[in-house]
Amino acid sequence: MRIVCISDTHSLHRRIPEVPDGDVLIHAGDCLGAGTLDNVEDLNDWLGTLPHRHKIVIAGNHDWVFQESPDLARGVLTNSIYLEDSGVEIEGVQFWGSPWTPTFMDWAFMLERGKPLEECWAKIPDDTDVLITHGPPHGIGDEASMEFRCQNVGCTALLHRLSQLSLKAHIFGHIHEGYGEYRQGETRLVNASTCTARYAPTNPPIVLDI
């Protein structure tokens, strides 16, 4: 199965130079700019032009309409599978998606570190093959420039849950500066942030064969 990974397009999806073909396209959140229903409609139209047989989208901290008007947003997103603490099996591969990230300022889909996030990650089924979260685990593709220094801002509870799973891949975004591919044991980890730290949608989609 060929998986094409993007994330953090912030409604700039039409400016991505090229999206490679594959079996499954995954968008790991922050797909919207202003977080409005109009943004979802434009995203959905664009997704409908892509050749991938299957498309999966999760929300991120900028995707307000999925939190505030979930039925409306999901109803508009007809050209992909939307996952929110839920899963789907595609051609024998188990996918699970979740939008939550540790609380920072006042954004959508945020939970406090500690028990709230531990309970969230406990929902991930043990037989998951491909995990999609908006935010990264602690220490992997999570280094952000904050207050004139770099900090690892990923989720420690998510990192712990990963140690309990036998994943083929974990796909995320959120921290634009962390774009790239990583490994933890046998698991391939991808920060698929399309936008750079300056919000230029120039990071190429990352392709995985699993």
Foldseek 3Di string as FASTA:
>chain_A
DKEWEAEQLQLVVVVEPDGDEDQEYEYQANQHNQLDLVSLLVVLVVLVVGDHPAYEYEYEQNNVCCVVPVVSSVVNNPSHHYADLDWDADPNAIEHEHHEFDDDDDTPRYDHADPVVLVSLVSPDQRHAEYRYAFDAFPALQWAQDPNDTDGRGHPSNVVSVVSHDYQEYEYADRQCSADWDDDVNYIYGHNYQAHPVGDRHRHIDMDDD
